Amino acid sequence: MFVRSGGAWVYQEKLTSCDPRARDRFGESVAVWHDTIVVGAPQDAVGDAGKAGSAHVFVRADGAWVEQSRLDNPSPSSKEYFGQ
C-alpha cells in the first residue's frame, strides 16, 4: 500500500492474506473505497473445491491495514473463481 504524504506517494505496507497459498492469485482483482479494500484470490481453494476463489476485506484503522474478513461462496464448487 502507498499513501499520499506531502505531495508524494510513500510505501506504507504490503497486504497479505491471513491464509496465503501458492497460486491462489491473491491480488488479481482489487476494489477500493475510502478506508476499505477488497482483494480477490480467484484460484483459492475452499475446502475440497479447488479454484473456488475467495475475497479478503481489509480496513485501515490508525494508519494500519487489517484483514477484517474473508469472503467465500457459501456453496463453493471447483473452478468458480469467486473474487475475480
Protein backbone atom coordinates (compact mmCIF):
# COMPACT_ATOMS: atom_id res chain seq x y z
CA MET A 1 0.00 0.00 0.00
CA PHE A 2 1.10 3.51 -0.77
CA VAL A 3 -0.26 6.63 0.93
CA ARG A 4 -0.07 10.21 -0.19
CA SER A 5 2.10 12.30 2.13
CA GLY A 6 3.17 15.88 1.42
CA GLY A 7 2.59 15.63 -2.31
CA ALA A 8 4.43 12.30 -2.72
CA TRP A 9 3.41 8.65 -2.64
CA VAL A 10 5.07 6.77 0.23
CA TYR A 11 5.17 2.98 0.73
CA GLN A 12 3.20 2.02 3.85
CA GLU A 13 2.87 -1.78 3.92
CA LYS A 14 2.19 -4.93 1.92
CA LEU A 15 -1.24 -6.54 2.16
CA THR A 16 -1.18 -10.31 2.54
CA SER A 17 -3.85 -12.92 3.04
CA CYS A 18 -4.42 -14.40 6.50
CA ASP A 19 -4.05 -17.82 4.87
CA PRO A 20 -1.74 -17.42 1.86
CA ARG A 21 -1.47 -20.33 -0.54
CA ALA A 22 0.66 -20.80 -3.59
CA ARG A 23 -1.15 -19.99 -6.82
CA ASP A 24 -4.34 -18.57 -5.24
CA ARG A 25 -3.75 -15.39 -7.33
CA PHE A 26 -4.26 -13.08 -4.36
CA GLY A 27 -4.46 -9.54 -5.70
CA GLU A 28 -5.69 -10.38 -9.19
CA SER A 29 -8.64 -8.09 -8.56
CA VAL A 30 -8.88 -5.15 -6.16
CA ALA A 31 -11.67 -2.77 -5.18
CA VAL A 32 -11.01 0.32 -3.04
CA TRP A 33 -13.48 2.55 -1.24
CA HIS A 34 -12.08 5.08 1.23
CA ASP A 35 -10.51 3.00 4.04
CA THR A 36 -11.78 -0.37 2.80
CA ILE A 37 -10.12 -2.65 0.25
CA VAL A 38 -11.41 -5.96 -1.10
CA VAL A 39 -8.74 -8.19 -2.64
CA GLY A 40 -9.69 -11.18 -4.78
CA ALA A 41 -7.95 -14.55 -4.77
CA PRO A 42 -9.92 -16.30 -7.55
CA GLN A 43 -7.96 -19.54 -7.54
CA ASP A 44 -8.04 -20.06 -3.78
CA ALA A 45 -9.26 -23.47 -2.64
CA VAL A 46 -12.30 -23.53 -0.36
CA GLY A 47 -12.50 -26.85 1.42
CA ASP A 48 -12.20 -29.54 -1.25
CA ALA A 49 -13.25 -27.16 -4.03
CA GLY A 50 -10.11 -26.22 -5.94
CA LYS A 51 -10.08 -22.77 -7.55
CA ALA A 52 -13.41 -21.88 -5.91
CA GLY A 53 -11.99 -18.45 -5.03
CA SER A 54 -12.21 -16.03 -2.13
CA ALA A 55 -12.18 -12.30 -1.41
CA HIS A 56 -10.41 -10.63 1.52
CA VAL A 57 -11.65 -7.42 3.16
CA PHE A 58 -9.06 -5.05 4.65
CA VAL A 59 -9.89 -1.95 6.69
CA ARG A 60 -7.49 0.86 7.59
CA ALA A 61 -7.57 1.86 11.24
CA ASP A 62 -5.00 4.07 12.97
CA GLY A 63 -2.83 4.05 9.85
CA ALA A 64 -2.58 0.25 9.56
CA TRP A 65 -4.41 -2.14 7.25
CA VAL A 66 -6.04 -5.09 9.00
CA GLU A 67 -7.75 -8.04 7.33
CA GLN A 68 -11.29 -7.83 8.66
CA SER A 69 -12.81 -10.87 6.98
CA ARG A 70 -12.51 -13.48 4.28
CA LEU A 71 -15.48 -13.98 1.97
CA ASP A 72 -16.17 -17.40 0.46
CA ASN A 73 -19.02 -18.63 -1.68
CA PRO A 74 -21.42 -20.35 0.76
CA SER A 75 -21.72 -23.35 -1.58
CA PRO A 76 -18.36 -23.49 -3.37
CA SER A 77 -17.54 -25.76 -6.25
CA SER A 78 -14.37 -26.16 -8.25
CA LYS A 79 -13.40 -23.56 -10.84
CA GLU A 80 -15.93 -20.89 -9.88
CA TYR A 81 -13.17 -18.25 -9.48
CA PHE A 82 -15.11 -16.24 -6.89
CA GLY A 83 -13.29 -12.98 -6.25
CA GLN A 84 -12.26 -12.50 -9.83
